[in-house]
Amino acid sequence: MQERSLATRTTITAAAHRQFAARGYEQTSVAGICAEAGVSKGAFYHHFQSKQELFNLLLQDWLSGIRQEN
């Protein structure tokens, strides 16, 4: 993945993490994630197929962190 693309993906995931933590899954929207990340919906959908896919990625990262702590 190119550096710029990786940076955009990282920005989106960080914004999504903040949105999910503050609002919960149901109240978080792709539009809200994009607004916080400063990216277009096109950029979002270039990196992720859906809000669910992004949420699952964050959940897997979180679970991996828990496993590594044990």
C-alpha atoms as a PDB file:
ATOM      1  CA  MET A   1       0.000   0.000   0.000  1.00  0.00           C
ATOM      2  CA  GLN A   2       1.333   3.432  -0.868  1.00  0.00           C
ATOM      3  CA  GLU A   3       2.281   5.826   1.905  1.00  0.00           C
ATOM      4  CA  ARG A   4      -0.518   8.309   1.140  1.00  0.00           C
ATOM      5  CA  SER A   5      -3.114   5.537   0.965  1.00  0.00           C
ATOM      6  CA  LEU A   6      -1.906   4.080   4.252  1.00  0.00           C
ATOM      7  CA  ALA A   7      -2.076   7.531   5.875  1.00  0.00           C
ATOM      8  CA  THR A   8      -5.675   7.989   4.682  1.00  0.00           C
ATOM      9  CA  ARG A   9      -6.655   4.550   5.945  1.00  0.00           C
ATOM     10  CA  THR A  10      -5.048   5.300   9.322  1.00  0.00           C
ATOM     11  CA  THR A  11      -6.857   8.648   9.540  1.00  0.00           C
ATOM     12  CA  ILE A  12     -10.195   6.965   8.799  1.00  0.00           C
ATOM     13  CA  THR A  13      -9.670   4.204  11.358  1.00  0.00           C
ATOM     14  CA  ALA A  14      -8.642   6.711  14.047  1.00  0.00           C
ATOM     15  CA  ALA A  15     -11.725   8.840  13.371  1.00  0.00           C
ATOM     16  CA  ALA A  16     -13.936   5.755  13.408  1.00  0.00           C
ATOM     17  CA  HIS A  17     -12.457   4.646  16.723  1.00  0.00           C
ATOM     18  CA  ARG A  18     -13.304   8.016  18.261  1.00  0.00           C
ATOM     19  CA  GLN A  19     -16.801   8.038  16.737  1.00  0.00           C
ATOM     20  CA  PHE A  20     -17.655   4.498  17.859  1.00  0.00           C
ATOM     21  CA  ALA A  21     -16.336   5.181  21.370  1.00  0.00           C
ATOM     22  CA  ALA A  22     -18.304   8.407  21.713  1.00  0.00           C
ATOM     23  CA  ARG A  23     -21.526   7.492  19.909  1.00  0.00           C
ATOM     24  CA  GLY A  24     -21.748   3.709  19.721  1.00  0.00           C
ATOM     25  CA  TYR A  25     -22.151   1.653  16.578  1.00  0.00           C
ATOM     26  CA  GLU A  26     -25.754   2.554  15.716  1.00  0.00           C
ATOM     27  CA  GLN A  27     -25.304   6.301  16.122  1.00  0.00           C
ATOM     28  CA  THR A  28     -22.056   6.417  14.166  1.00  0.00           C
ATOM     29  CA  SER A  29     -22.436   7.092  10.461  1.00  0.00           C
ATOM     30  CA  VAL A  30     -20.056   6.857   7.546  1.00  0.00           C
ATOM     31  CA  ALA A  31     -20.715  10.561   6.958  1.00  0.00           C
ATOM     32  CA  GLY A  32     -19.695  11.338  10.551  1.00  0.00           C
ATOM     33  CA  ILE A  33     -16.524   9.281  10.265  1.00  0.00           C
ATOM     34  CA  CYS A  34     -15.648  11.009   6.991  1.00  0.00           C
ATOM     35  CA  ALA A  35     -16.311  14.473   8.439  1.00  0.00           C
ATOM     36  CA  GLU A  36     -14.076  13.805  11.434  1.00  0.00           C
ATOM     37  CA  ALA A  37     -11.370  12.269   9.263  1.00  0.00           C
ATOM     38  CA  GLY A  38     -11.578  15.050   6.673  1.00  0.00           C
ATOM     39  CA  VAL A  39     -12.053  12.622   3.790  1.00  0.00           C
ATOM     40  CA  SER A  40     -14.737  12.031   1.181  1.00  0.00           C
ATOM     41  CA  LYS A  41     -17.147   9.114   1.230  1.00  0.00           C
ATOM     42  CA  GLY A  42     -15.377   7.928  -1.914  1.00  0.00           C
ATOM     43  CA  ALA A  43     -12.125   7.708   0.031  1.00  0.00           C
ATOM     44  CA  PHE A  44     -13.909   5.812   2.794  1.00  0.00           C
ATOM     45  CA  TYR A  45     -15.362   3.277   0.371  1.00  0.00           C
ATOM     46  CA  HIS A  46     -12.024   2.940  -1.413  1.00  0.00           C
ATOM     47  CA  HIS A  47     -10.583   1.551   1.821  1.00  0.00           C
ATOM     48  CA  PHE A  48     -13.614  -0.154   3.402  1.00  0.00           C
ATOM     49  CA  GLN A  49     -16.693  -1.839   1.968  1.00  0.00           C
ATOM     50  CA  SER A  50     -18.919  -0.742   4.846  1.00  0.00           C
ATOM     51  CA  LYS A  51     -19.139   0.666   8.347  1.00  0.00           C
ATOM     52  CA  GLN A  52     -19.486  -2.926   9.564  1.00  0.00           C
ATOM     53  CA  GLU A  53     -16.199  -3.950   7.923  1.00  0.00           C
ATOM     54  CA  LEU A  54     -14.390  -1.043   9.567  1.00  0.00           C
ATOM     55  CA  PHE A  55     -15.966  -1.818  12.948  1.00  0.00           C
ATOM     56  CA  ASN A  56     -14.917  -5.459  12.633  1.00  0.00           C
ATOM     57  CA  LEU A  57     -11.337  -4.390  11.855  1.00  0.00           C
ATOM     58  CA  LEU A  58     -11.234  -2.206  14.961  1.00  0.00           C
ATOM     59  CA  LEU A  59     -12.722  -5.013  17.034  1.00  0.00           C
ATOM     60  CA  GLN A  60     -10.114  -7.488  15.767  1.00  0.00           C
ATOM     61  CA  ASP A  61      -7.318  -5.018  16.574  1.00  0.00           C
ATOM     62  CA  TRP A  62      -8.710  -4.596  20.075  1.00  0.00           C
ATOM     63  CA  LEU A  63      -9.015  -8.345  20.614  1.00  0.00           C
ATOM     64  CA  SER A  64      -5.463  -8.875  19.338  1.00  0.00           C
ATOM     65  CA  GLY A  65      -4.232  -6.361  21.897  1.00  0.00           C
ATOM     66  CA  ILE A  66      -5.995  -8.226  24.697  1.00  0.00           C
ATOM     67  CA  ARG A  67      -4.497 -11.547  23.577  1.00  0.00           C
ATOM     68  CA  GLN A  68      -1.004 -10.051  23.496  1.00  0.00           C
ATOM     69  CA  GLU A  69      -1.384  -8.744  27.057  1.00  0.00           C
ATOM     70  CA  ASN A  70      -2.098 -12.237  28.374  1.00  0.00           C
END
